[in-house]
Protein backbone atom coordinates (compact mmCIF):
# COMPACT_ATOMS: atom_id res chain seq x y z
CA MET A 1 84.18 50.76 59.55
CA GLU A 2 85.93 47.65 60.24
CA GLU A 3 86.28 46.22 64.16
CA PRO A 4 89.71 46.95 65.09
CA GLU A 5 92.13 43.88 66.09
CA THR A 6 92.66 43.21 69.90
CA ILE A 7 96.17 44.00 70.84
CA LYS A 8 97.60 42.35 73.35
CA VAL A 9 100.55 43.53 75.67
CA PHE A 10 102.40 42.60 78.55
CA ILE A 11 103.54 45.59 80.86
CA SER A 12 107.41 45.24 82.53
CA TYR A 13 107.64 47.29 85.59
CA SER A 14 109.60 47.45 88.91
CA GLN A 15 107.58 47.66 92.33
CA THR A 16 109.35 50.69 93.63
CA ASN A 17 107.01 51.27 95.75
CA SER A 18 102.84 51.97 96.45
CA ASN A 19 102.61 54.92 94.23
CA HIS A 20 103.91 54.07 91.34
CA GLN A 21 102.29 50.45 91.45
CA ASP A 22 99.62 52.29 90.84
CA TRP A 23 100.20 54.74 88.94
CA THR A 24 101.14 51.43 86.56
CA ILE A 25 97.91 50.16 87.41
CA ARG A 26 95.97 53.15 86.17
CA LEU A 27 97.71 52.97 83.10
CA ALA A 28 96.55 49.24 82.62
CA ASN A 29 93.14 50.20 83.45
CA ARG A 30 93.29 52.77 80.86
CA LEU A 31 94.58 50.79 78.23
CA ARG A 32 91.69 48.27 78.68
CA HIS A 33 89.06 50.61 78.52
CA ASP A 34 90.51 51.89 75.62
CA GLY A 35 90.49 48.77 73.90
CA VAL A 36 93.95 47.02 74.65
CA ASP A 37 94.38 43.46 76.29
CA VAL A 38 96.92 44.29 78.64
CA VAL A 39 98.28 41.59 80.64
CA LEU A 40 100.13 42.49 84.01
CA ASP A 41 101.50 40.33 86.93
CA LYS A 42 99.03 41.66 89.64
CA TRP A 43 96.41 40.30 87.54
CA ASP A 44 97.67 37.09 85.35
CA LEU A 45 100.71 36.09 87.85
CA LYS A 46 99.37 33.56 90.33
CA PRO A 47 100.62 31.70 93.43
CA GLY A 48 102.43 28.78 92.48
CA HIS A 49 103.05 29.96 89.22
CA ASP A 50 106.84 29.94 87.86
CA LEU A 51 108.02 33.72 88.25
CA HIS A 52 110.75 32.90 85.44
CA LYS A 53 108.78 31.30 82.85
CA PHE A 54 105.96 33.90 83.24
CA MET A 55 108.60 36.34 82.54
CA GLU A 56 109.80 34.29 79.32
CA SER A 57 106.42 33.64 78.25
CA MET A 58 105.14 37.04 77.90
CA VAL A 59 108.12 37.85 76.05
CA SER A 60 108.38 34.95 73.46
CA ASP A 61 104.47 34.58 73.37
CA VAL A 62 103.54 35.53 70.22
CA ALA A 63 100.27 36.52 70.91
CA ILE A 64 101.79 39.17 72.95
CA LYS A 65 102.31 41.93 70.10
CA LYS A 66 104.14 44.56 72.34
CA VAL A 67 106.48 44.66 75.58
CA LEU A 68 105.61 48.38 77.22
CA ILE A 69 108.40 48.90 79.66
CA ILE A 70 107.59 51.37 82.22
CA CYS A 71 110.83 52.94 82.92
CA ASP A 72 111.65 54.59 86.14
CA LYS A 73 114.88 55.26 87.96
CA THR A 74 114.23 51.61 90.31
CA TYR A 75 113.33 50.09 87.02
CA VAL A 76 116.75 51.55 85.63
CA ASP A 77 118.94 50.64 87.75
CA LYS A 78 117.92 46.98 88.28
CA ALA A 79 117.64 46.56 84.35
CA ASN A 80 121.46 47.66 84.38
CA ASP A 81 122.72 45.27 87.35
CA ARG A 82 120.45 42.48 86.27
CA ARG A 83 119.33 42.54 89.56
CA GLY A 84 115.83 41.00 90.70
CA GLY A 85 112.76 40.48 88.65
CA VAL A 86 113.68 43.31 86.60
CA GLY A 87 117.16 41.97 86.15
CA THR A 88 115.79 38.64 84.96
CA GLU A 89 113.31 40.37 82.60
CA THR A 90 116.05 42.16 81.10
CA GLU A 91 118.27 39.32 80.74
CA ILE A 92 114.74 37.85 78.79
CA ILE A 93 113.99 40.79 76.62
CA THR A 94 117.67 42.11 75.75
CA PRO A 95 118.40 39.07 72.68
CA GLY A 96 114.82 40.04 71.20
CA ILE A 97 115.91 43.82 71.47
CA TYR A 98 118.77 43.28 68.93
CA LYS A 99 116.58 40.92 67.09
CA ALA A 100 115.45 42.50 63.52
CA SER A 101 112.03 41.08 63.67
CA ASP A 102 111.55 41.76 67.03
CA GLN A 103 112.43 45.39 67.32
CA GLU A 104 108.93 47.33 67.19
CA LYS A 105 108.25 45.03 69.81
CA PHE A 106 109.32 46.75 73.13
CA ILE A 107 108.52 50.03 73.99
CA PRO A 108 110.40 51.78 76.76
CA ILE A 109 107.36 54.15 78.21
CA VAL A 110 109.49 57.32 80.22
CA THR A 111 108.03 58.07 83.66
CA GLU A 112 110.98 59.52 85.20
CA LYS A 113 113.70 62.27 84.06
CA ASP A 114 116.72 63.45 85.63
CA GLU A 115 117.84 66.64 87.04
CA ASP A 116 119.12 68.01 83.38
CA GLY A 117 115.39 66.54 82.08
CA THR A 118 117.01 63.65 80.15
CA PRO A 119 114.81 60.74 80.11
CA ILE A 120 115.60 57.85 82.27
CA LEU A 121 116.08 54.45 80.54
CA PRO A 122 118.31 51.21 81.08
CA VAL A 123 121.09 51.27 78.70
CA TYR A 124 119.92 48.87 76.51
CA LEU A 125 117.09 50.83 75.48
CA LYS A 126 119.09 54.23 75.49
CA THR A 127 118.51 54.52 71.17
CA ARG A 128 115.31 53.32 71.40
CA LEU A 129 112.75 55.40 70.75
CA TYR A 130 110.03 55.97 73.41
CA PHE A 131 106.77 57.28 74.74
CA ASP A 132 107.17 60.34 77.80
CA LEU A 133 104.18 59.98 80.13
CA SER A 134 106.34 61.67 82.49
CA ASP A 135 104.94 64.96 82.53
CA GLU A 136 100.92 65.81 83.52
CA SER A 137 101.17 68.65 80.56
CA SER A 138 101.70 66.41 77.83
CA PHE A 139 100.63 62.74 79.20
CA GLU A 140 97.38 63.36 77.01
CA ASN A 141 98.90 64.13 73.30
CA ASN A 142 101.55 61.17 74.13
CA TYR A 143 99.38 58.72 75.57
CA GLU A 144 96.80 59.17 72.38
CA GLU A 145 100.01 58.58 70.27
CA LEU A 146 100.79 55.29 72.45
CA LEU A 147 97.36 53.97 71.90
CA ARG A 148 97.87 55.28 68.22
CA ASN A 149 100.97 52.76 68.20
CA LEU A 150 99.73 49.77 69.65
CA PHE A 151 96.77 49.78 66.87
CA ASN A 152 99.24 51.25 64.17
CA ARG A 153 97.04 53.92 63.18
CA PRO A 154 99.63 56.75 63.56
CA SER A 155 98.55 60.43 63.28
CA ILE A 156 100.57 61.20 60.35
CA SER A 157 99.92 58.43 58.26
CA LYS A 158 102.65 57.69 55.01
CA PRO A 159 100.43 58.39 51.79
CA ALA A 160 99.35 55.96 49.03
CA LEU A 161 102.46 55.83 46.40
CA GLY A 162 101.37 58.11 43.94
CA ASN A 163 102.65 57.93 40.23
CA PRO A 164 105.63 59.98 38.87
CA PRO A 165 104.70 63.25 37.03
CA LYS A 166 104.16 62.74 33.72
CA TYR A 167 106.28 65.33 32.29
CA LEU A 168 109.13 63.96 33.84
CA PHE A 169 109.39 61.13 30.97
CA GLN A 170 108.26 64.11 27.87
CA ASP A 171 110.90 65.56 26.15
CA ALA A 172 111.90 68.90 27.97
CA VAL A 173 110.46 71.95 26.71
CA ASN A 174 113.50 73.65 24.61
CA THR A 175 114.22 77.36 26.04
CA PHE A 176 117.26 77.76 24.02
CA LYS A 177 115.52 80.51 21.81
CA THR A 178 113.50 82.67 24.58
CA SER A 179 117.12 82.03 26.10
CA PHE A 180 119.45 83.13 23.19
CA LEU A 181 116.76 86.32 22.48
CA VAL A 182 117.27 87.66 26.31
CA ASN A 183 120.84 87.57 25.56
CA ARG A 184 120.51 89.43 22.53
CA LEU A 185 118.48 92.01 23.88
CA ASP A 186 121.10 94.33 25.31
CA ASN A 187 123.25 94.31 22.10
CA GLN A 188 120.07 95.12 20.15
CA MET A 189 119.19 98.17 22.32
CA GLU A 190 122.53 99.59 22.37
CA ARG A 191 123.18 99.10 18.70
CA ASN A 192 119.84 98.88 16.57
CA PRO A 193 117.07 100.51 19.16
CA ASP A 194 114.91 101.60 16.04
CA ARG A 195 114.36 97.62 15.39
CA LEU A 196 113.41 96.63 18.70
CA ASN A 197 109.87 95.88 17.60
CA GLY A 198 111.60 92.83 15.60
CA LEU A 199 112.99 91.62 18.53
CA ILE A 200 110.20 91.61 21.02
CA GLN A 201 107.60 90.02 17.98
CA GLU A 202 110.91 87.18 17.34
CA PHE A 203 110.78 86.67 21.31
CA LEU A 204 106.90 86.54 21.98
CA ASP A 205 106.69 84.44 19.36
CA CYS A 206 108.90 82.04 20.57
CA VAL A 207 107.18 82.06 23.56
CA PHE A 208 104.16 81.43 22.06
CA GLU A 209 105.59 78.28 20.18
CA GLU A 210 107.05 77.10 23.84
CA MET A 211 103.96 77.24 25.01
CA ASN A 212 101.84 75.69 22.23
CA GLN A 213 104.15 72.65 23.44
CA PHE A 214 102.20 71.94 26.50
CA GLU A 215 99.50 69.41 27.10
CA ILE A 216 97.69 69.88 30.48
CA VAL A 217 97.06 65.72 31.15
CA SER A 218 95.75 64.44 34.48
CA SER A 219 96.44 60.96 35.55
CA GLY A 220 93.08 60.42 37.04
CA SER A 221 89.68 62.36 37.16
CA TYR A 222 89.29 64.21 41.01
CA ARG A 223 89.57 67.84 41.04
CA SER A 224 92.78 67.01 43.19
CA ASP A 225 94.08 64.93 40.35
CA ALA A 226 93.98 68.13 37.64
CA GLY A 227 94.89 70.12 40.29
CA LYS A 228 98.03 68.24 40.30
CA ALA A 229 98.22 68.47 36.40
CA LEU A 230 98.12 72.27 36.65
CA VAL A 231 100.67 72.00 39.71
CA ASN A 232 103.44 70.09 37.34
CA PHE A 233 102.10 72.24 33.98
CA SER A 234 103.49 75.52 35.85
CA ASN A 235 106.53 74.14 36.97
CA GLN A 236 107.08 73.01 33.33
CA TYR A 237 106.39 76.48 31.54
CA THR A 238 108.49 78.13 34.54
CA PRO A 239 111.77 78.64 32.59
CA ILE A 240 109.88 80.26 29.71
CA ARG A 241 108.18 82.74 32.08
CA ASN A 242 111.34 83.44 33.76
CA ASP A 243 112.72 84.49 30.19
CA PHE A 244 109.73 86.27 29.89
CA ILE A 245 110.19 88.24 33.38
CA LEU A 246 114.06 89.22 32.21
CA PHE A 247 113.26 89.79 28.90
CA PHE A 248 110.70 92.50 30.06
CA GLN A 249 112.82 93.55 32.52
CA LYS A 250 115.64 94.75 30.20
CA LEU A 251 113.01 96.27 27.94
CA ILE A 252 110.38 98.26 30.27
CA ARG A 253 113.94 99.34 32.55
CA SER A 254 115.48 100.95 29.06
CA GLN A 255 112.36 103.31 29.01
CA LEU A 256 112.99 102.53 24.93
CA ASN A 257 110.20 102.91 22.84
CA PHE A 258 108.39 100.41 21.08
CA ASP A 259 105.02 99.69 19.73
CA PHE A 260 102.94 98.63 22.55
CA ASP A 261 100.31 96.51 19.54
CA ILE A 262 102.72 93.63 19.26
CA ILE A 263 102.21 92.76 23.38
CA ILE A 264 98.32 93.21 22.98
CA SER A 265 98.67 90.81 19.91
CA PHE A 266 100.69 88.71 22.47
CA PHE A 267 97.90 88.13 24.92
CA GLU A 268 95.73 87.87 22.17
CA LYS A 269 97.46 85.01 21.03
CA MET A 270 97.55 83.30 23.79
CA THR A 271 94.36 82.88 24.29
CA THR A 272 94.33 80.19 21.40
CA LEU A 273 95.80 77.88 24.08
CA LEU A 274 92.64 78.25 25.69
CA ASN A 275 90.83 76.24 23.25
CA SER A 276 90.86 72.30 23.29
CA LYS A 277 93.25 70.33 21.06
CA GLY A 278 92.48 67.67 18.67
CA ASN A 279 89.83 65.28 19.19
CA GLY A 280 87.76 63.10 22.02
CA SER A 281 86.95 64.45 25.25
CA HIS A 282 88.53 67.36 27.30
CA TYR A 283 88.18 68.78 30.80
CA ALA A 284 87.62 72.31 31.85
CA TYR A 285 91.20 72.21 33.12
CA GLN A 286 92.64 71.64 30.14
CA TYR A 287 92.89 74.55 28.40
CA GLU A 288 91.10 77.02 31.07
CA GLY A 289 94.60 76.08 32.97
CA PHE A 290 96.78 77.80 30.06
CA LEU A 291 95.14 80.81 31.98
CA LEU A 292 97.67 80.32 34.68
CA PRO A 293 100.33 81.30 32.59
CA ILE A 294 98.97 84.14 30.99
CA HIS A 295 97.33 85.71 34.34
CA GLU A 296 101.03 85.63 35.48
CA PHE A 297 102.34 87.01 32.87
CA PHE A 298 100.38 89.90 33.10
CA LEU A 299 100.78 90.32 36.90
CA TYR A 300 104.53 90.27 36.16
CA LEU A 301 104.38 93.01 33.56
CA VAL A 302 102.10 95.22 35.56
CA ALA A 303 105.02 95.17 38.52
CA LEU A 304 108.05 95.55 36.27
CA GLY A 305 105.84 98.63 35.20
CA LEU A 306 105.48 99.73 38.99
CA LYS A 307 108.78 99.06 39.75
CA TYR A 308 110.75 100.50 36.91
CA ARG A 309 107.80 103.89 37.20
CA SER A 310 106.82 103.26 33.24
CA TYR A 311 103.10 104.33 33.90
CA GLU A 312 102.87 104.81 30.11
CA PHE A 313 103.56 101.09 29.85
CA ILE A 314 100.83 99.85 32.65
CA GLU A 315 98.46 102.53 30.95
CA ASN A 316 98.57 101.07 27.77
CA LEU A 317 98.16 97.18 29.70
CA PHE A 318 94.59 98.50 31.27
CA SER A 319 93.34 100.49 28.79
CA ALA A 320 94.05 98.13 25.97
CA LEU A 321 91.08 96.09 24.11
CA TYR A 322 91.81 92.40 23.90
CA PHE A 323 90.17 90.68 20.75
CA THR A 324 91.06 87.30 22.52
CA ARG A 325 90.50 84.17 20.44
CA ASP A 326 89.34 81.39 22.53
CA ARG A 327 86.22 79.70 21.88
CA GLU A 328 83.83 81.73 24.09
CA ASN A 329 84.37 84.84 22.11
CA TYR A 330 82.71 83.66 18.73
CA GLN A 331 81.76 87.58 18.04
CA ASN A 332 85.16 88.74 18.59
CA GLU A 333 84.53 91.45 21.21
CA GLY A 334 87.10 93.38 22.44
CA ARG A 335 87.53 92.81 26.42
CA ASP A 336 89.41 93.82 29.04
CA TYR A 337 92.43 92.63 31.15
CA THR A 338 90.13 91.12 33.58
CA TYR A 339 89.23 88.31 31.31
CA PHE A 340 92.90 86.77 32.14
CA ILE A 341 92.55 86.01 36.23
CA SER A 342 92.78 81.98 36.39
CA ARG A 343 89.56 79.93 36.71
CA SER A 344 91.32 77.15 38.34
CA ILE A 345 91.02 77.91 42.14
CA GLU A 346 89.36 75.12 42.54
CA ASP A 347 91.28 72.38 41.48
CA LEU A 348 94.20 73.93 42.68
CA THR A 349 92.48 73.24 46.59
CA GLN A 350 91.57 70.01 45.80
CA TYR A 351 95.16 69.53 45.14
CA TYR A 352 96.96 71.36 47.98
CA VAL A 353 94.07 69.40 50.62
CA HIS A 354 94.22 66.03 49.62
CA ILE A 355 97.53 65.44 47.98
CA GLU A 356 99.94 67.34 49.59
CA GLN A 357 97.45 67.73 52.76
CA GLN A 358 98.14 70.98 53.36
CA ARG A 359 95.40 74.14 53.78
CA TYR A 360 96.43 77.22 51.96
CA THR A 361 94.02 80.21 52.13
CA SER A 362 94.89 81.53 48.56
CA PRO A 363 96.34 78.34 46.70
CA LEU A 364 96.95 80.65 43.58
CA GLY A 365 98.83 82.93 45.53
CA HIS A 366 100.57 80.34 47.11
CA LEU A 367 101.62 78.97 43.32
CA PHE A 368 103.06 82.17 42.34
CA THR A 369 104.96 83.67 45.46
CA SER A 370 106.10 79.94 45.80
CA ARG A 371 108.44 80.48 42.17
CA LEU A 372 109.22 84.03 42.80
CA MET A 373 112.33 85.20 40.67
CA LYS A 374 114.39 87.84 42.30
CA GLU A 375 113.75 90.21 39.98
CA VAL A 376 110.79 91.08 41.09
CA SER A 377 109.76 90.22 45.12
CA LYS A 378 106.72 88.89 46.37
CA GLN A 379 105.66 92.35 47.86
CA GLU A 380 105.75 93.99 44.13
CA LEU A 381 103.70 91.47 43.08
CA VAL A 382 101.28 91.45 45.48
CA GLU A 383 101.26 95.07 44.90
CA ALA A 384 100.64 94.59 40.80
CA ASP A 385 97.61 92.37 41.58
CA LEU A 386 96.15 94.79 44.33
CA LEU A 387 96.61 97.57 41.83
CA CYS A 388 94.69 95.22 38.86
CA HIS A 389 91.85 95.03 41.39
CA TYR A 390 91.42 98.67 42.55
CA ILE A 391 91.61 99.45 38.58
CA ALA A 392 89.08 97.47 37.86
CA VAL A 393 86.90 98.62 40.69
CA LEU A 394 87.21 102.20 39.26
CA LYS A 395 85.97 100.31 35.98
CA LYS A 396 83.57 98.71 37.16
CA LYS A 397 84.94 95.36 36.58
CA TYR A 398 85.87 92.97 38.89
CA TRP A 399 89.71 91.45 39.83
CA PHE A 400 89.97 89.38 42.61
CA PRO A 401 93.69 89.73 44.28
CA TYR A 402 94.49 86.23 45.29
CA LEU A 403 98.07 87.52 46.38
CA TYR A 404 96.67 89.78 48.70
CA ILE A 405 97.62 87.87 51.61
CA TYR A 406 101.16 88.29 51.00
CA PHE A 407 100.81 92.07 51.65
CA GLU A 408 103.98 93.40 53.90
CA GLN A 409 101.57 95.47 56.15
CA GLY A 410 101.62 97.37 59.64
CA ASN A 411 98.08 97.03 60.22
CA TYR A 412 97.39 93.34 59.57
CA ARG A 413 93.75 93.58 59.01
CA GLU A 414 93.95 96.58 56.70
CA VAL A 415 95.61 95.34 53.30
CA GLY A 416 95.82 97.95 50.23
CA ARG A 417 98.08 100.97 51.07
CA ILE A 418 100.32 100.20 47.67
CA GLU A 419 102.56 103.32 47.00
CA ILE A 420 101.12 104.34 43.75
CA LEU A 421 98.07 105.21 45.54
CA TYR A 422 98.78 106.58 48.95
CA ARG A 423 101.24 109.21 47.06
CA MET A 424 98.56 110.66 45.40
CA ILE A 425 98.29 113.24 47.41
CA SER A 426 101.08 114.68 45.80
CA ARG A 427 99.68 117.01 42.32
CA LYS A 428 103.23 116.12 40.90
CA HIS A 429 102.69 112.38 41.10
CA LEU A 430 99.05 112.10 40.15
CA GLU A 431 99.55 113.94 36.89
CA LYS A 432 101.99 110.94 36.28
CA VAL A 433 99.93 108.55 36.65
CA LYS A 434 96.22 109.23 36.65
CA ARG A 435 96.08 107.69 33.11
CA VAL A 436 96.97 104.51 34.36
CA PHE A 437 93.80 104.84 36.51
CA GLY A 438 91.81 105.94 33.07
CA PHE A 439 91.33 109.48 34.05
CA GLU A 440 92.49 112.79 31.90
CA THR A 441 91.92 114.92 34.67
CA ILE A 442 92.28 115.11 38.34
CA GLU A 443 88.78 116.13 39.11
CA SER A 444 87.15 113.37 36.83
CA PHE A 445 89.29 110.93 39.12
CA LYS A 446 88.60 112.85 42.28
CA GLN A 447 84.31 112.41 41.16
CA ARG A 448 84.92 108.84 40.70
CA LEU A 449 86.06 108.32 44.18
CA ILE A 450 83.45 110.62 45.79
CA GLU A 451 80.99 108.23 43.72
CA LEU A 452 82.91 104.98 45.41
CA LYS A 453 82.52 106.59 48.62
CA SER A 454 79.10 107.98 48.25
CA ASN A 455 77.56 104.38 47.24
CA PRO A 456 75.17 102.71 49.39
CA ASP A 457 77.82 99.78 48.93
CA ARG A 458 80.59 101.49 49.71
CA ASN A 459 81.22 99.34 52.94
CA GLN A 460 81.41 96.20 50.93
CA GLN A 461 84.97 94.90 51.71
CA PHE A 462 86.71 92.08 49.38
CA GLY A 463 88.77 89.42 51.12
CA PHE A 464 89.03 85.96 52.08
CA SER A 465 86.05 84.68 54.10
CA ASP A 466 88.50 82.74 56.96
CA ARG A 467 90.86 85.64 57.42
CA TRP A 468 89.96 88.85 59.81
CA ASP A 469 92.48 91.17 57.22
CA ARG A 470 89.93 92.79 54.25
CA ILE A 471 91.32 95.06 51.56
CA LEU A 472 90.61 98.83 51.68
CA ALA A 473 88.19 100.69 49.57
CA ILE A 474 90.37 102.31 47.18
CA PHE A 475 88.94 105.80 48.82
CA GLN A 476 90.47 104.76 52.07
CA VAL A 477 93.55 104.41 50.55
CA ILE A 478 93.41 107.70 48.59
CA ASP A 479 90.96 110.75 50.34
CA PRO A 480 89.18 112.25 47.79
CA ASP A 481 89.68 115.59 49.64
CA LYS A 482 93.57 115.21 49.73
CA ILE A 483 94.01 114.24 46.09
CA GLY A 484 96.10 116.13 44.56
CA SER A 485 96.47 118.67 47.54
CA GLN A 486 99.83 119.15 48.24
CA ASN A 487 103.28 119.42 45.84
């Protein structure tokens, strides 16, 4: 750590009374203790010295980096009326105040306010930024800010100038075709619903083609640089995601039949983007980053299915085997939906902390919820994430619901009371949704809940370590003894 430069300052004040003089001397003593070389008339003006010349030299001396002007009512009155030593100093200081080169040299220090709480300042300083040391309750904070100003060490530093995102200078991805197909869907559903499969296939092929145009490229070698590349990538694909949401909102809301295997094939095809492109060195974020849109697209489909009570659609999403085409699946094994969860959490964390200087409990949750569309609310997306978690628990799989902290709830420590679950006391509702959770009968569902409740690890709770709230166990949301107990 390099030694800080010694800062020399002059204190200009009015000898109002002994209390005010003592306050000024205490301030000067403390500044000197904190490494500021203070020039004060009580210490440096000797008998026989020329008072006018002393004051003039304090203002014009290049060694004096700052002039602290201690403003109380007496000082202000004398300065405004140009009376006494204060008036002389004012005449010397005023020209410097208005010189562009000396703007930062003169710092008003407020020690008194009027009955309205307005700082008392001379007319020539009214428009200047000041430090308020008049209130004991805020003195320490404001004194520290004064010190930081003197040593040019602000508490909030201007960040280094970075490089503009590369995607700004790349040709924008053309989403004309997906937008056109979204608009064409209404006509197809009304006039040719029997040809719906062809349009869905065409639309999803276009989504894939547009996503395949992207490459995730970092401008540096740090994880924060990788996180920045991922955030830029998410901003790039957002128009495609928006068309995806609009298309499936219309389709799911229509309740028309279509071949669900088209959607399974789409997600399988999207996993080819998880393979590194071209030759040369590649980093994990460059291909794993494509799990961001896969994860987000899947969540929005679940949310739309819940919104329009399309339970068969959701059941298909959760029960499907996805034969992914990424390099990890060289044995061509079928995987469930939990494979689609993003793995870029640490890169995003480093980006938000070191570049945006923000500490989000859930960086992924922030990224998803800060780019919402009105067609799906934040709460609807959060409930979809929690449903993915609960179904994973029932299947003995793992899905961490990164969005759970945005759940709207009555008890801030208990998260997870989602509608599709707490309505299960109704047998009618349970009959509709049981297959979403992977059960053919109410009894088999009930037995699985009892099994979870009797498990020695039943009190294991999910949640972020730095928060008080926790995700309720599924049997805490719907009691096995109450499931299907009412009509």
